[in-house]
Amino acid sequence: MAWISFDIFRTLGFSDTLQLKPEQIFNHKDDISRADWVLFPQYWQLNALIYGLKAKVFPSQASYLLGHNKIEMTRAFEIVAPTNIPHTEIRANTPSNADELWELMLHPFVAKLPKATQGSGVWLIQTRSDWKAYLQRSDILYVQEYLPINRDIRVEIIGDQVISAYWRLQSDQGFYNNVAKGGVIDHSPIPAQAINLALHLATSLDINHAGFDIAMVGDHPYVFEFNRLFGNQGLEGGDKKIRDAIIDYLNRQQQPTRPNFPKAPVNKDKPLPRVA
């Protein structure tokens, strides 16, 4: 088979693709070594596939490694877009660090778990009791300035293209914009600054399958994080659009790129997100 997938739900409808369960990795080593692409492995498989079987994986290695941990993600963002992240402090959870951060941060501020998704593991710290409760939840203190917003933007990128971008309005319970926490999708035009920031982060860091969460404060975009495995709730066209974008990208990556070969044709009819 040309491609192998370890996530049947994300690769339904992919032709010429061998669908495997993650634990079958050890029984299909020859198939994996011959495959042009290995799609959506689990995180625990990544090193074995790349270093043991020399497999070419999608999403990219960077998408996995940076997307697995907010600490590594934030440090990478600080390197390539230092003016586009909220003020963030990352410390070991010690009494002295906890006291220092309580005094350092403007109140209220946001505290997060290094590994969490879908809006979980994020708290608005307003009181000392909020802070004490957070200190019991994590060995690492990850705190961030609270931005004055009531909505944010999800920008979804596959390969080298934006396939969707939409606003997420704050949920009825306040603070959370994530759809899993009650946020509401709004397809109003998206500022070009947010689109450009997401593309800059993706291309700079070799992230090729991600949903970036970006806030606008005035005309300035701030990135919170990205999710390597994003949902399709706000995507017009749903699973088919995602499938077509992945297949198009993987096929283009397989094509020769030396000067003697023509460039892949550009689809000029492909709709783009509405930009303000």
Protein backbone atom coordinates (compact mmCIF):
# COMPACT_ATOMS: atom_id res chain seq x y z
CA MET A 1 0.00 0.00 0.00
CA ALA A 2 1.22 3.53 -0.73
CA TRP A 3 0.02 4.97 2.58
CA ILE A 4 -0.59 3.57 6.04
CA SER A 5 -2.94 5.08 8.61
CA PHE A 6 -3.13 4.48 12.34
CA ASP A 7 -6.34 6.53 12.72
CA ILE A 8 -9.18 5.12 10.63
CA PHE A 9 -11.60 7.88 11.64
CA ARG A 10 -9.34 10.63 10.27
CA THR A 11 -8.55 8.78 7.04
CA LEU A 12 -11.94 7.40 6.03
CA GLY A 13 -12.23 7.53 2.24
CA PHE A 14 -8.46 7.59 1.62
CA SER A 15 -7.71 5.29 -1.31
CA ASP A 16 -4.66 2.99 -1.44
CA THR A 17 -4.29 3.27 2.35
CA LEU A 18 -3.75 0.36 4.73
CA GLN A 19 -5.67 1.01 7.94
CA LEU A 20 -3.93 -0.37 11.04
CA LYS A 21 -4.53 -0.29 14.76
CA PRO A 22 -1.63 1.36 16.63
CA GLU A 23 -0.59 -1.90 18.33
CA GLN A 24 -0.12 -3.52 14.91
CA ILE A 25 3.02 -1.45 14.31
CA PHE A 26 5.22 -4.41 15.25
CA ASN A 27 3.52 -6.82 12.83
CA HIS A 28 3.74 -4.54 9.79
CA LYS A 29 7.30 -3.23 9.89
CA ASP A 30 8.00 -4.07 6.25
CA ASP A 31 4.77 -2.41 5.07
CA ILE A 32 5.58 0.70 7.10
CA SER A 33 9.14 0.90 5.76
CA ARG A 34 7.86 0.75 2.17
CA ALA A 35 5.01 3.22 2.65
CA ASP A 36 5.22 6.68 1.13
CA TRP A 37 3.42 8.13 4.16
CA VAL A 38 2.42 6.97 7.63
CA LEU A 39 -0.65 8.93 8.72
CA PHE A 40 -1.79 9.96 12.20
CA PRO A 41 0.29 7.66 14.40
CA GLN A 42 -0.13 7.99 18.13
CA TYR A 43 2.47 9.97 20.03
CA TRP A 44 4.05 6.88 21.57
CA GLN A 45 4.75 5.49 18.08
CA LEU A 46 6.55 8.54 16.76
CA ASN A 47 10.19 7.81 17.64
CA ALA A 48 9.95 4.16 16.60
CA LEU A 49 8.48 5.12 13.24
CA ILE A 50 10.88 7.95 12.43
CA TYR A 51 14.13 6.57 13.84
CA GLY A 52 13.49 2.83 13.77
CA LEU A 53 11.64 2.44 10.48
CA LYS A 54 12.68 5.69 8.74
CA ALA A 55 9.01 6.41 8.05
CA LYS A 56 7.71 9.69 6.69
CA VAL A 57 4.90 10.73 9.02
CA PHE A 58 1.96 13.09 8.77
CA PRO A 59 1.35 15.28 10.73
CA SER A 60 4.97 16.36 10.88
CA GLN A 61 7.33 15.48 13.71
CA ALA A 62 7.28 19.13 14.79
CA SER A 63 3.49 19.09 14.94
CA TYR A 64 3.68 16.19 17.38
CA LEU A 65 6.58 17.37 19.54
CA LEU A 66 5.47 20.98 19.91
CA GLY A 67 1.77 20.13 20.12
CA HIS A 68 2.32 17.63 22.92
CA ASN A 69 3.30 20.15 25.57
CA LYS A 70 2.39 23.83 26.05
CA ILE A 71 5.80 24.56 27.56
CA GLU A 72 7.72 23.47 24.46
CA MET A 73 5.11 25.13 22.26
CA THR A 74 5.39 28.46 24.07
CA ARG A 75 9.18 28.47 23.92
CA ALA A 76 9.05 27.85 20.18
CA PHE A 77 6.53 30.67 19.75
CA GLU A 78 8.83 32.98 21.72
CA ILE A 79 11.64 32.27 19.27
CA VAL A 80 9.75 32.91 16.02
CA ALA A 81 7.06 35.41 17.12
CA PRO A 82 8.11 37.01 20.41
CA THR A 83 5.75 39.98 20.11
CA ASN A 84 2.74 37.77 19.43
CA ILE A 85 2.41 35.81 22.64
CA PRO A 86 0.88 37.04 25.90
CA HIS A 87 3.29 37.60 28.77
CA THR A 88 3.97 34.08 30.01
CA GLU A 89 5.92 32.72 32.99
CA ILE A 90 6.92 29.07 33.37
CA ARG A 91 8.41 27.98 36.68
CA ALA A 92 8.84 24.92 38.84
CA ASN A 93 6.12 24.67 41.47
CA THR A 94 7.99 25.73 44.59
CA PRO A 95 6.71 27.93 47.42
CA SER A 96 9.10 30.74 46.50
CA ASN A 97 8.13 30.64 42.79
CA ALA A 98 4.45 30.55 43.68
CA ASP A 99 4.78 33.63 45.91
CA GLU A 100 6.86 35.46 43.31
CA LEU A 101 4.40 34.81 40.50
CA TRP A 102 1.46 35.88 42.63
CA GLU A 103 3.16 39.24 43.14
CA LEU A 104 4.51 39.52 39.58
CA MET A 105 1.39 38.87 37.51
CA LEU A 106 -1.31 41.49 36.98
CA HIS A 107 -4.60 40.26 38.39
CA PRO A 108 -6.60 38.46 37.17
CA PHE A 109 -4.32 36.15 35.22
CA VAL A 110 -4.57 32.76 33.54
CA ALA A 111 -3.06 29.50 34.80
CA LYS A 112 -2.77 26.36 32.70
CA LEU A 113 -1.71 22.74 32.87
CA PRO A 114 1.19 22.01 30.50
CA LYS A 115 -0.77 19.16 28.89
CA ALA A 116 -4.48 19.73 28.31
CA THR A 117 -6.85 20.17 25.36
CA GLN A 118 -10.37 21.32 24.46
CA GLY A 119 -10.34 24.13 27.00
CA SER A 120 -9.67 21.88 29.98
CA GLY A 121 -6.79 22.59 32.33
CA VAL A 122 -7.22 26.37 32.04
CA TRP A 123 -8.32 28.62 34.91
CA LEU A 124 -8.85 32.32 35.49
CA ILE A 125 -7.03 33.20 38.70
CA GLN A 126 -8.81 36.01 40.51
CA THR A 127 -8.29 35.28 44.20
CA ARG A 128 -5.64 33.78 46.44
CA SER A 129 -7.86 30.73 46.92
CA ASP A 130 -7.97 30.26 43.12
CA TRP A 131 -4.19 30.35 43.10
CA LYS A 132 -3.83 27.87 45.96
CA ALA A 133 -6.20 25.46 44.20
CA TYR A 134 -4.11 25.66 41.02
CA LEU A 135 -0.90 25.02 42.94
CA GLN A 136 -2.28 21.60 43.89
CA ARG A 137 -2.88 20.65 40.26
CA SER A 138 0.51 20.92 38.57
CA ASP A 139 4.22 20.42 39.24
CA ILE A 140 4.94 23.17 36.70
CA LEU A 141 3.52 26.66 37.03
CA TYR A 142 2.39 27.99 33.66
CA VAL A 143 0.81 31.43 33.97
CA GLN A 144 -0.16 33.96 31.34
CA GLU A 145 -1.49 37.49 31.25
CA TYR A 146 -5.24 37.81 30.89
CA LEU A 147 -6.13 39.53 27.62
CA PRO A 148 -9.21 41.81 27.48
CA ILE A 149 -11.18 39.76 24.94
CA ASN A 150 -14.57 38.06 24.71
CA ARG A 151 -13.81 36.03 21.59
CA ASP A 152 -10.86 34.50 19.78
CA ILE A 153 -10.07 32.98 16.39
CA ARG A 154 -9.42 29.42 15.32
CA VAL A 155 -7.22 29.19 12.20
CA GLU A 156 -6.95 25.68 10.78
CA ILE A 157 -3.97 24.80 8.62
CA ILE A 158 -3.28 21.66 6.63
CA GLY A 159 0.05 21.49 4.91
CA ASP A 160 0.89 24.98 3.74
CA GLN A 161 -2.65 26.35 3.41
CA VAL A 162 -5.36 27.78 5.63
CA ILE A 163 -8.46 25.62 5.13
CA SER A 164 -10.71 27.42 7.62
CA ALA A 165 -10.79 30.38 9.99
CA TYR A 166 -13.62 31.48 12.25
CA TRP A 167 -14.38 33.37 15.45
CA ARG A 168 -15.24 31.60 18.69
CA LEU A 169 -17.47 33.73 20.89
CA GLN A 170 -17.28 33.44 24.66
CA SER A 171 -19.51 30.85 26.30
CA ASP A 172 -22.40 31.74 28.60
CA GLN A 173 -20.29 30.81 31.61
CA GLY A 174 -17.70 33.42 30.60
CA PHE A 175 -13.91 33.24 30.07
CA TYR A 176 -13.92 30.15 27.82
CA ASN A 177 -14.13 30.50 24.03
CA ASN A 178 -13.44 26.86 23.21
CA VAL A 179 -16.39 25.16 21.50
CA ALA A 180 -16.01 22.16 23.82
CA LYS A 181 -16.61 24.55 26.73
CA GLY A 182 -19.65 26.21 25.22
CA GLY A 183 -18.07 28.74 22.87
CA VAL A 184 -20.15 29.77 19.84
CA ILE A 185 -18.86 29.70 16.26
CA ASP A 186 -19.15 32.91 14.22
CA HIS A 187 -18.15 33.15 10.55
CA SER A 188 -17.66 36.91 10.44
CA PRO A 189 -14.61 38.09 8.45
CA ILE A 190 -11.24 37.29 10.00
CA PRO A 191 -8.49 39.94 10.33
CA ALA A 192 -5.60 39.34 7.95
CA GLN A 193 -3.17 39.73 10.87
CA ALA A 194 -4.50 36.54 12.46
CA ILE A 195 -4.25 34.54 9.22
CA ASN A 196 -0.73 35.79 8.58
CA LEU A 197 0.42 34.97 12.11
CA ALA A 198 -0.90 31.40 11.89
CA LEU A 199 0.83 30.87 8.54
CA HIS A 200 4.06 32.36 9.88
CA LEU A 201 4.05 30.03 12.88
CA ALA A 202 3.19 26.99 10.78
CA THR A 203 5.86 27.57 8.14
CA SER A 204 8.54 28.69 10.62
CA LEU A 205 8.05 25.69 12.90
CA ASP A 206 7.20 23.02 10.27
CA ILE A 207 3.68 22.50 11.64
CA ASN A 208 1.47 21.04 8.91
CA HIS A 209 -1.75 19.98 10.65
CA ALA A 210 -3.01 22.32 13.35
CA GLY A 211 -5.75 24.54 14.65
CA PHE A 212 -4.18 27.75 15.98
CA ASP A 213 -5.98 29.75 18.68
CA ILE A 214 -5.38 33.45 18.18
CA ALA A 215 -6.76 36.53 19.96
CA MET A 216 -6.98 40.06 18.61
CA VAL A 217 -6.29 42.96 20.96
CA GLY A 218 -6.99 45.95 18.78
CA ASP A 219 -5.14 45.22 15.54
CA HIS A 220 -2.50 43.03 17.17
CA PRO A 221 -2.74 39.21 17.11
CA TYR A 222 -1.66 37.01 20.02
CA VAL A 223 -1.30 33.25 19.78
CA PHE A 224 -2.32 31.06 22.71
CA GLU A 225 -1.60 27.58 21.39
CA PHE A 226 -2.28 25.12 18.60
CA ASN A 227 -4.03 21.76 18.61
CA ARG A 228 -2.52 19.08 16.40
CA LEU A 229 -5.82 17.16 16.24
CA PHE A 230 -8.53 19.73 15.69
CA GLY A 231 -12.26 19.17 15.20
CA ASN A 232 -14.37 20.15 12.23
CA GLN A 233 -17.23 21.92 14.07
CA GLY A 234 -16.56 25.25 12.39
CA LEU A 235 -15.34 23.95 9.07
CA GLU A 236 -17.62 24.46 6.09
CA GLY A 237 -17.32 21.26 4.07
CA GLY A 238 -16.46 19.15 7.12
CA ASP A 239 -14.57 15.88 6.81
CA LYS A 240 -14.47 15.93 3.00
CA LYS A 241 -12.70 19.28 2.91
CA ILE A 242 -10.14 18.07 5.44
CA ARG A 243 -9.62 14.81 3.52
CA ASP A 244 -9.17 16.59 0.19
CA ALA A 245 -6.71 19.08 1.69
CA ILE A 246 -4.59 16.32 3.27
CA ILE A 247 -4.51 14.24 0.09
CA ASP A 248 -3.62 17.27 -2.01
CA TYR A 249 -0.79 18.24 0.33
CA LEU A 250 0.68 14.73 0.61
CA ASN A 251 0.56 14.23 -3.15
CA ARG A 252 2.31 17.55 -3.73
CA GLN A 253 5.00 16.63 -1.20
CA GLN A 254 5.69 13.39 -3.09
CA GLN A 255 6.14 15.09 -6.46
CA PRO A 256 9.68 15.81 -7.68
CA THR A 257 10.70 19.44 -7.22
CA ARG A 258 13.92 19.64 -9.25
CA PRO A 259 14.06 22.32 -12.01
CA ASN A 260 13.34 19.73 -14.74
CA PHE A 261 9.91 18.99 -13.29
CA PRO A 262 6.87 21.28 -13.59
CA LYS A 263 5.35 22.83 -10.51
CA ALA A 264 2.05 21.50 -9.20
CA PRO A 265 -0.91 23.43 -10.62
CA VAL A 266 -2.52 26.05 -8.41
CA ASN A 267 -6.25 25.68 -7.80
CA LYS A 268 -7.43 29.24 -8.37
CA ASP A 269 -11.05 28.30 -7.66
CA LYS A 270 -10.36 27.14 -4.11
CA PRO A 271 -12.30 29.37 -1.64
CA LEU A 272 -10.31 31.14 1.07
CA PRO A 273 -11.44 32.25 4.53
CA ARG A 274 -13.09 35.63 4.54
CA VAL A 275 -10.58 38.22 5.67
CA ALA A 276 -11.54 41.57 7.13
